[in-house]
Amino acid sequence: MTGIDLVAAADDAAQVIDCFVRSPRVTEVEERGDARCRVRLSGGLRGELLCVPPRDYAAALHHRTGAPEYLSALGALARELGLTLDERGLRRGKKRLSVKTEGDLYEHIGVPYIAPELREGAEDIVAAVERAARGGREGELVEEGDIQGMVHCHTVYSDGKNTIEEMALEAEAMGMKYLTITDHSPAAHYANGVGLDRLKHQWDEIARVQERVSVKLLRGTESDILDSGKLDYPDAILEQLDVVIASIHSRMKMDADQMTRRLVSAMRLPVFKIWGHALGRLIQRREPFACRVEEVLDAVAESRAAIEVNGDPYRLDMEPRWIKEARKRGIRFVISTDAHSTSALHNLRFGVGTARRGGLRRGEVLNARSLAAFQKAVRPAA
């Protein structure tokens, strides 16, 4: 990330800029004009504020949310109609066209509305036109309100901070229909992974808590993918669960050949599994591990598997570019929080935001389905 752009609408731009530069997060004012201000923020990030009259806000916001290649392609379409597109809006000669909303801008150019997350390149415009020609049958981009169940959640049985009941009550308060209890498995010693001796106790507690809450509790695991590609619970246990998250937590420095074989083997296991925090990155802490991602995606597409979009702010894994590649293969997804506490359940919005940048539609997201449909889709046993 190189910086953050802000767009404001006001008749008195100077007053807005005065307020902006007085923010305690602003450490240095690098440039200031009548309607713009560029600053250095705490932590070293650069920030820029553009303040425009209210009538120009929609056009300015659209301009700042579009990548250069995308804006160039859209501008070319506008020129074919005798229009000029810039951050102040649309003009035909010297006459300004009315752009009260971003939708107005697209309507003038004759292109279907494109969500901000998809304004990356010319191919996004082509895709929007083709989608509209097909009647938009793929559905709309997934939204936070579409999510019906929380997937990939940890409790005090492994390295979570809250009990099963506390997690259930929070999910219930958020309006969720189901919650997966997916604590770490035995190989995750560092995370107090749940051995077979404690797993039955956990199932018993899930049953007791279920009597006190309305949200449906699903028995699951985040099972480690071992070096061999196998999971660290026996099949007889996995088949008794409602959902299996399969993740890598160790030996992340394998070379690309080794890691690819490991993941392909895991994806081809007959049990249905969700590939958790796929490439193991921790933002600004750890790079994604090496593997041939497209080869693994091919294996996922051919197997009983789905992919997680992890909403933990330090993960946001998988990346939008790989989500797009997975979508080409017809792969299904879940959007999770990887929650280790009740407060972390509210990181759902970050997972949804990452999913939208990858172009995910609600119909491609398993936990946007009803409880019955979700259970049927992710049931580990064939």
Protein backbone atom coordinates (compact mmCIF):
# COMPACT_ATOMS: atom_id res chain seq x y z
CA MET A 1 0.00 0.00 0.00
CA THR A 2 1.44 3.37 -1.03
CA GLY A 3 -1.19 5.67 0.39
CA ILE A 4 -4.83 6.42 1.05
CA ASP A 5 -7.03 8.75 -1.01
CA LEU A 6 -9.93 10.62 0.54
CA VAL A 7 -12.67 12.49 -1.31
CA ALA A 8 -14.89 15.00 0.45
CA ALA A 9 -17.81 17.12 -0.73
CA ALA A 10 -18.14 20.65 0.63
CA ASP A 11 -18.74 24.18 -0.57
CA ASP A 12 -15.87 25.44 1.63
CA ALA A 13 -12.87 23.27 0.77
CA ALA A 14 -10.45 25.31 2.88
CA GLN A 15 -12.40 24.59 6.06
CA VAL A 16 -12.37 20.84 5.36
CA ILE A 17 -8.64 20.86 4.65
CA ASP A 18 -7.96 22.85 7.84
CA CYS A 19 -9.78 20.18 9.82
CA PHE A 20 -7.93 17.38 8.01
CA VAL A 21 -4.42 18.69 8.67
CA ARG A 22 -5.20 19.11 12.37
CA SER A 23 -5.90 15.37 12.71
CA PRO A 24 -3.58 13.77 15.31
CA ARG A 25 -2.69 11.14 12.69
CA VAL A 26 -1.17 13.76 10.39
CA THR A 27 2.53 14.15 11.11
CA GLU A 28 3.55 16.32 8.14
CA VAL A 29 1.83 18.43 5.48
CA GLU A 30 3.72 17.84 2.25
CA GLU A 31 1.59 19.88 -0.12
CA ARG A 32 -1.50 22.04 0.21
CA GLY A 33 -3.66 23.72 -2.41
CA ASP A 34 -7.11 25.22 -2.69
CA ALA A 35 -8.85 21.86 -3.00
CA ARG A 36 -6.12 19.26 -2.34
CA CYS A 37 -3.83 18.36 0.48
CA ARG A 38 -1.12 15.69 0.64
CA VAL A 39 0.17 14.62 4.05
CA ARG A 40 2.29 12.06 5.82
CA LEU A 41 0.38 9.99 8.35
CA SER A 42 1.62 8.29 11.49
CA GLY A 43 3.30 5.05 10.53
CA GLY A 44 4.71 6.58 7.36
CA LEU A 45 1.67 6.17 5.12
CA ARG A 46 0.88 9.02 2.73
CA GLY A 47 -2.61 10.45 2.54
CA GLU A 48 -4.26 12.76 0.04
CA LEU A 49 -7.53 14.64 0.40
CA LEU A 50 -9.48 16.03 -2.52
CA CYS A 51 -12.38 18.31 -1.65
CA VAL A 52 -14.89 19.07 -4.41
CA PRO A 53 -18.26 20.83 -4.65
CA PRO A 54 -21.17 18.48 -3.87
CA ARG A 55 -22.21 18.32 -7.54
CA ASP A 56 -18.79 16.84 -8.44
CA TYR A 57 -18.57 14.30 -5.62
CA ALA A 58 -19.82 11.19 -7.44
CA ALA A 59 -17.50 11.76 -10.39
CA ALA A 60 -14.49 12.50 -8.18
CA LEU A 61 -15.13 9.41 -6.04
CA HIS A 62 -15.42 7.27 -9.15
CA HIS A 63 -12.14 8.64 -10.50
CA ARG A 64 -10.28 7.91 -7.26
CA THR A 65 -11.57 4.34 -7.03
CA GLY A 66 -10.51 3.40 -10.55
CA ALA A 67 -7.08 2.10 -11.55
CA PRO A 68 -5.33 4.05 -14.35
CA GLU A 69 -5.84 1.29 -16.94
CA TYR A 70 -9.53 1.09 -16.11
CA LEU A 71 -10.03 4.86 -16.29
CA SER A 72 -8.18 5.00 -19.59
CA ALA A 73 -10.39 2.30 -21.10
CA LEU A 74 -13.60 3.93 -19.82
CA GLY A 75 -12.38 7.31 -21.07
CA ALA A 76 -11.85 5.81 -24.53
CA LEU A 77 -15.47 4.58 -24.56
CA ALA A 78 -16.62 8.06 -23.56
CA ARG A 79 -14.64 9.66 -26.39
CA GLU A 80 -16.36 7.38 -28.90
CA LEU A 81 -19.58 9.09 -27.80
CA GLY A 82 -18.09 12.56 -28.07
CA LEU A 83 -17.66 12.86 -24.29
CA THR A 84 -14.72 13.80 -22.08
CA LEU A 85 -14.30 11.94 -18.78
CA ASP A 86 -12.18 13.23 -15.91
CA GLU A 87 -12.38 13.54 -12.12
CA ARG A 88 -14.87 16.39 -12.42
CA GLY A 89 -17.30 14.26 -14.44
CA LEU A 90 -18.44 14.16 -18.05
CA ARG A 91 -18.55 16.94 -20.64
CA ARG A 92 -19.89 17.19 -24.15
CA GLY A 93 -17.79 20.01 -25.49
CA LYS A 94 -18.09 22.68 -22.82
CA LYS A 95 -21.41 21.40 -21.47
CA ARG A 96 -21.26 19.42 -18.23
CA LEU A 97 -23.56 16.43 -17.98
CA SER A 98 -25.45 15.77 -14.77
CA VAL A 99 -23.69 13.11 -12.68
CA LYS A 100 -25.44 12.95 -9.32
CA THR A 101 -24.46 9.32 -8.74
CA GLU A 102 -21.87 6.95 -10.11
CA GLY A 103 -24.74 5.16 -11.82
CA ASP A 104 -25.47 8.32 -13.82
CA LEU A 105 -21.92 8.32 -15.14
CA TYR A 106 -22.15 4.73 -16.38
CA GLU A 107 -25.57 5.37 -17.90
CA HIS A 108 -24.23 8.30 -19.94
CA ILE A 109 -21.42 6.10 -21.31
CA GLY A 110 -23.71 3.12 -21.90
CA VAL A 111 -21.85 0.69 -19.67
CA PRO A 112 -23.39 -1.35 -16.79
CA TYR A 113 -22.49 -0.17 -13.31
CA ILE A 114 -19.16 -1.60 -12.12
CA ALA A 115 -18.55 -1.96 -8.38
CA PRO A 116 -15.50 -0.06 -7.02
CA GLU A 117 -13.70 -3.30 -6.15
CA LEU A 118 -13.70 -4.33 -9.82
CA ARG A 119 -12.37 -1.14 -11.38
CA GLU A 120 -8.95 -2.55 -12.21
CA GLY A 121 -8.58 -2.85 -15.97
CA ALA A 122 -10.22 -2.88 -19.39
CA GLU A 123 -11.14 -6.55 -18.88
CA ASP A 124 -13.46 -5.56 -16.03
CA ILE A 125 -15.44 -3.32 -18.36
CA VAL A 126 -15.66 -6.07 -20.97
CA ALA A 127 -16.79 -8.55 -18.29
CA ALA A 128 -19.52 -6.17 -17.08
CA VAL A 129 -20.85 -5.69 -20.61
CA GLU A 130 -20.84 -9.45 -21.26
CA ARG A 131 -22.50 -10.15 -17.91
CA ALA A 132 -25.26 -7.65 -18.71
CA ALA A 133 -25.76 -9.26 -22.13
CA ARG A 134 -26.33 -12.59 -20.39
CA GLY A 135 -28.86 -10.98 -18.10
CA GLY A 136 -26.53 -10.86 -15.09
CA ARG A 137 -27.32 -14.48 -14.25
CA GLU A 138 -24.21 -14.87 -12.12
CA GLY A 139 -25.74 -12.66 -9.45
CA GLU A 140 -24.42 -9.65 -7.59
CA LEU A 141 -21.16 -9.36 -5.70
CA VAL A 142 -21.41 -10.92 -2.28
CA GLU A 143 -22.32 -8.56 0.57
CA GLU A 144 -21.88 -8.88 4.31
CA GLY A 145 -25.62 -9.29 4.75
CA ASP A 146 -25.56 -12.38 2.53
CA ILE A 147 -23.50 -14.39 5.01
CA GLN A 148 -25.68 -16.74 7.04
CA GLY A 149 -23.09 -18.63 9.04
CA MET A 150 -19.73 -18.12 10.71
CA VAL A 151 -17.08 -20.55 9.47
CA HIS A 152 -13.65 -21.29 10.99
CA CYS A 153 -13.99 -20.31 14.63
CA HIS A 154 -11.75 -21.21 17.58
CA THR A 155 -12.59 -21.53 21.28
CA VAL A 156 -10.74 -22.13 24.54
CA TYR A 157 -10.46 -25.78 23.50
CA SER A 158 -7.44 -24.70 21.43
CA ASP A 159 -6.05 -21.17 21.21
CA GLY A 160 -9.28 -19.18 21.29
CA LYS A 161 -10.09 -16.67 24.02
CA ASN A 162 -13.78 -17.47 24.49
CA THR A 163 -15.91 -20.48 25.32
CA ILE A 164 -18.19 -22.28 22.90
CA GLU A 165 -21.20 -20.64 24.51
CA GLU A 166 -19.70 -17.15 24.35
CA MET A 167 -18.89 -17.58 20.66
CA ALA A 168 -22.37 -18.95 20.02
CA LEU A 169 -24.14 -16.08 21.77
CA GLU A 170 -22.11 -13.50 19.84
CA ALA A 171 -22.84 -15.17 16.51
CA GLU A 172 -26.49 -15.36 17.49
CA ALA A 173 -26.52 -11.65 18.33
CA MET A 174 -25.08 -10.96 14.88
CA GLY A 175 -28.02 -12.74 13.29
CA MET A 176 -26.09 -15.81 12.15
CA LYS A 177 -27.94 -19.07 11.51
CA TYR A 178 -24.97 -21.38 12.15
CA LEU A 179 -21.49 -21.41 13.63
CA THR A 180 -18.70 -23.91 13.03
CA ILE A 181 -16.54 -24.87 16.00
CA THR A 182 -13.24 -25.59 14.25
CA ASP A 183 -10.50 -25.71 16.84
CA HIS A 184 -6.96 -26.76 16.00
CA SER A 185 -6.11 -30.43 15.62
CA PRO A 186 -3.43 -32.46 17.48
CA ALA A 187 -0.45 -31.53 15.26
CA ALA A 188 -0.85 -27.86 16.26
CA HIS A 189 0.86 -28.38 19.63
CA TYR A 190 1.64 -24.67 19.91
CA ALA A 191 -2.09 -23.90 19.69
CA ASN A 192 -3.23 -26.53 22.21
CA GLY A 193 -4.58 -28.70 19.42
CA VAL A 194 -7.47 -30.93 20.41
CA GLY A 195 -6.42 -34.56 20.78
CA LEU A 196 -8.81 -37.46 20.47
CA ASP A 197 -9.16 -37.64 24.26
CA ARG A 198 -10.55 -34.10 24.43
CA LEU A 199 -12.49 -34.14 21.19
CA LYS A 200 -15.36 -36.17 22.69
CA HIS A 201 -15.54 -33.73 25.61
CA GLN A 202 -15.83 -30.88 23.12
CA TRP A 203 -18.64 -32.63 21.26
CA ASP A 204 -20.48 -33.13 24.54
CA GLU A 205 -20.13 -29.45 25.39
CA ILE A 206 -21.34 -28.42 21.94
CA ALA A 207 -24.46 -30.55 22.56
CA ARG A 208 -25.04 -28.92 25.97
CA VAL A 209 -24.60 -25.39 24.63
CA GLN A 210 -26.90 -26.16 21.69
CA GLU A 211 -29.76 -26.58 24.14
CA ARG A 212 -29.31 -22.96 25.27
CA VAL A 213 -28.82 -21.15 21.95
CA SER A 214 -30.76 -20.89 18.69
CA VAL A 215 -27.76 -20.60 16.37
CA LYS A 216 -26.90 -24.05 15.02
CA LEU A 217 -23.52 -25.30 16.24
CA LEU A 218 -21.58 -27.47 13.80
CA ARG A 219 -18.83 -29.82 14.90
CA GLY A 220 -15.62 -29.21 12.99
CA THR A 221 -11.86 -28.94 13.03
CA GLU A 222 -9.03 -26.97 11.56
CA SER A 223 -6.97 -30.03 10.72
CA ASP A 224 -3.29 -29.64 9.91
CA ILE A 225 -2.08 -30.67 6.48
CA LEU A 226 0.96 -32.80 7.26
CA ASP A 227 4.14 -32.93 5.18
CA SER A 228 2.73 -35.94 3.32
CA GLY A 229 -0.48 -34.10 2.41
CA LYS A 230 -2.57 -36.16 4.81
CA LEU A 231 -4.68 -34.64 7.57
CA ASP A 232 -3.78 -35.28 11.20
CA TYR A 233 -7.10 -36.78 12.30
CA PRO A 234 -7.99 -40.28 11.10
CA ASP A 235 -10.73 -40.56 8.48
CA ALA A 236 -13.00 -42.25 11.01
CA ILE A 237 -13.01 -39.02 13.05
CA LEU A 238 -13.18 -36.63 10.10
CA GLU A 239 -16.26 -38.39 8.77
CA GLN A 240 -18.10 -37.74 12.05
CA LEU A 241 -17.63 -33.99 11.74
CA ASP A 242 -19.88 -31.45 10.05
CA VAL A 243 -17.05 -29.46 8.48
CA VAL A 244 -13.29 -29.73 7.99
CA ILE A 245 -10.92 -26.81 7.48
CA ALA A 246 -7.57 -28.08 6.14
CA SER A 247 -4.64 -25.72 6.73
CA ILE A 248 -0.87 -25.58 6.76
CA HIS A 249 0.77 -24.34 9.95
CA SER A 250 4.25 -25.90 9.74
CA ARG A 251 7.14 -26.52 7.34
CA MET A 252 6.25 -23.38 5.39
CA LYS A 253 9.74 -23.09 3.92
CA MET A 254 9.33 -26.15 1.69
CA ASP A 255 10.33 -25.45 -1.90
CA ALA A 256 7.63 -24.95 -4.53
CA ASP A 257 7.76 -28.56 -5.74
CA GLN A 258 7.40 -30.02 -2.25
CA MET A 259 4.65 -27.62 -1.21
CA THR A 260 2.71 -28.14 -4.42
CA ARG A 261 2.78 -31.92 -3.99
CA ARG A 262 1.73 -31.53 -0.35
CA LEU A 263 -1.27 -29.37 -1.20
CA VAL A 264 -2.36 -31.32 -4.25
CA SER A 265 -2.32 -34.50 -2.18
CA ALA A 266 -4.41 -32.84 0.53
CA MET A 267 -6.95 -31.48 -1.92
CA ARG A 268 -7.37 -34.92 -3.50
CA LEU A 269 -8.26 -36.63 -0.24
CA PRO A 270 -11.78 -38.11 -0.49
CA VAL A 271 -13.04 -36.18 2.54
CA PHE A 272 -14.59 -32.79 1.73
CA LYS A 273 -12.39 -30.04 3.05
CA ILE A 274 -12.08 -26.25 2.97
CA TRP A 275 -8.55 -25.05 2.16
CA GLY A 276 -7.86 -22.66 5.05
CA HIS A 277 -5.79 -19.43 4.80
CA ALA A 278 -4.53 -20.86 1.57
CA LEU A 279 -1.01 -19.47 1.12
CA GLY A 280 -0.16 -18.85 4.75
CA ARG A 281 0.73 -15.19 4.49
CA LEU A 282 0.71 -12.76 7.40
CA ILE A 283 0.60 -9.22 6.07
CA GLN A 284 3.86 -7.34 6.74
CA ARG A 285 5.07 -10.35 8.75
CA ARG A 286 5.34 -13.38 6.48
CA GLU A 287 5.26 -13.79 2.71
CA PRO A 288 3.06 -16.45 1.10
CA PHE A 289 4.79 -19.80 0.95
CA ALA A 290 6.12 -21.04 -2.38
CA CYS A 291 3.91 -23.28 -4.51
CA ARG A 292 2.49 -23.50 -8.01
CA VAL A 293 -0.88 -22.02 -7.15
CA GLU A 294 -2.59 -22.72 -10.46
CA GLU A 295 -1.68 -26.40 -10.22
CA VAL A 296 -3.21 -26.56 -6.74
CA LEU A 297 -6.33 -24.75 -7.98
CA ASP A 298 -6.69 -27.36 -10.71
CA ALA A 299 -6.59 -30.05 -8.03
CA VAL A 300 -9.20 -28.21 -5.95
CA ALA A 301 -11.48 -27.92 -8.96
CA GLU A 302 -11.26 -31.67 -9.56
CA SER A 303 -11.73 -32.64 -5.89
CA ARG A 304 -14.16 -32.46 -3.00
CA ALA A 305 -12.87 -29.11 -1.78
CA ALA A 306 -13.60 -25.42 -1.44
CA ILE A 307 -11.40 -22.44 -0.62
CA GLU A 308 -11.57 -20.07 2.32
CA VAL A 309 -11.36 -16.31 1.98
CA ASN A 310 -9.90 -15.52 5.39
CA GLY A 311 -11.06 -12.25 6.96
CA ASP A 312 -8.38 -12.02 9.63
CA PRO A 313 -6.90 -8.54 8.94
CA TYR A 314 -3.39 -10.01 9.11
CA ARG A 315 -4.21 -12.69 6.53
CA LEU A 316 -6.83 -11.64 3.93
CA ASP A 317 -5.88 -14.86 2.22
CA MET A 318 -6.41 -15.80 -0.53
CA GLU A 319 -5.50 -12.74 -2.54
CA PRO A 320 -8.01 -11.34 -5.05
CA ARG A 321 -5.87 -12.30 -8.07
CA TRP A 322 -6.03 -15.96 -7.01
CA ILE A 323 -9.73 -15.74 -6.23
CA LYS A 324 -10.24 -14.68 -9.84
CA GLU A 325 -8.24 -17.65 -11.08
CA ALA A 326 -10.21 -20.00 -8.83
CA ARG A 327 -13.52 -18.60 -10.10
CA LYS A 328 -12.49 -19.44 -13.67
CA ARG A 329 -12.35 -23.08 -12.54
CA GLY A 330 -15.78 -23.03 -10.92
CA ILE A 331 -14.39 -23.46 -7.41
CA ARG A 332 -16.64 -22.71 -4.44
CA PHE A 333 -15.67 -20.60 -1.43
CA VAL A 334 -16.45 -19.78 2.16
CA ILE A 335 -15.81 -16.38 3.71
CA SER A 336 -14.48 -16.73 7.24
CA THR A 337 -13.18 -14.66 10.10
CA ASP A 338 -10.74 -17.27 11.50
CA ALA A 339 -12.07 -15.91 14.79
CA HIS A 340 -10.15 -16.62 17.98
CA SER A 341 -12.46 -14.41 20.05
CA THR A 342 -15.98 -12.99 20.02
CA SER A 343 -14.69 -9.61 18.87
CA ALA A 344 -12.90 -11.21 15.91
CA LEU A 345 -16.23 -12.47 14.57
CA HIS A 346 -16.78 -8.88 13.48
CA ASN A 347 -13.83 -9.13 11.07
CA LEU A 348 -16.30 -10.63 8.63
CA ARG A 349 -16.36 -7.37 6.70
CA PHE A 350 -12.69 -7.76 5.82
CA GLY A 351 -13.29 -11.19 4.37
CA VAL A 352 -16.24 -9.91 2.36
CA GLY A 353 -14.19 -6.97 1.11
CA THR A 354 -11.41 -9.29 -0.08
CA ALA A 355 -13.95 -11.59 -1.71
CA ARG A 356 -15.55 -8.69 -3.58
CA ARG A 357 -12.17 -7.60 -4.92
CA GLY A 358 -11.85 -11.10 -6.34
CA GLY A 359 -15.27 -10.78 -7.98
CA LEU A 360 -17.05 -13.35 -5.81
CA ARG A 361 -20.80 -13.57 -6.29
CA ARG A 362 -23.12 -14.65 -3.48
CA GLY A 363 -23.96 -17.86 -5.35
CA GLU A 364 -20.31 -18.91 -5.19
CA VAL A 365 -20.11 -18.57 -1.39
CA LEU A 366 -21.19 -21.66 0.53
CA ASN A 367 -21.87 -19.87 3.82
CA ALA A 368 -24.21 -17.48 2.03
CA ARG A 369 -26.49 -20.53 1.83
CA SER A 370 -29.08 -21.75 4.30
CA LEU A 371 -28.06 -24.10 7.10
CA ALA A 372 -29.35 -27.18 5.29
CA ALA A 373 -27.68 -26.23 2.01
CA PHE A 374 -24.39 -25.43 3.73
CA GLN A 375 -24.38 -28.71 5.66
CA LYS A 376 -25.04 -30.68 2.50
CA ALA A 377 -22.27 -28.86 0.60
CA VAL A 378 -19.49 -29.26 3.20
CA ARG A 379 -20.33 -32.65 4.75
CA PRO A 380 -16.94 -34.43 4.97
CA ALA A 381 -18.24 -37.95 4.26
CA ALA A 382 -19.19 -38.59 0.65
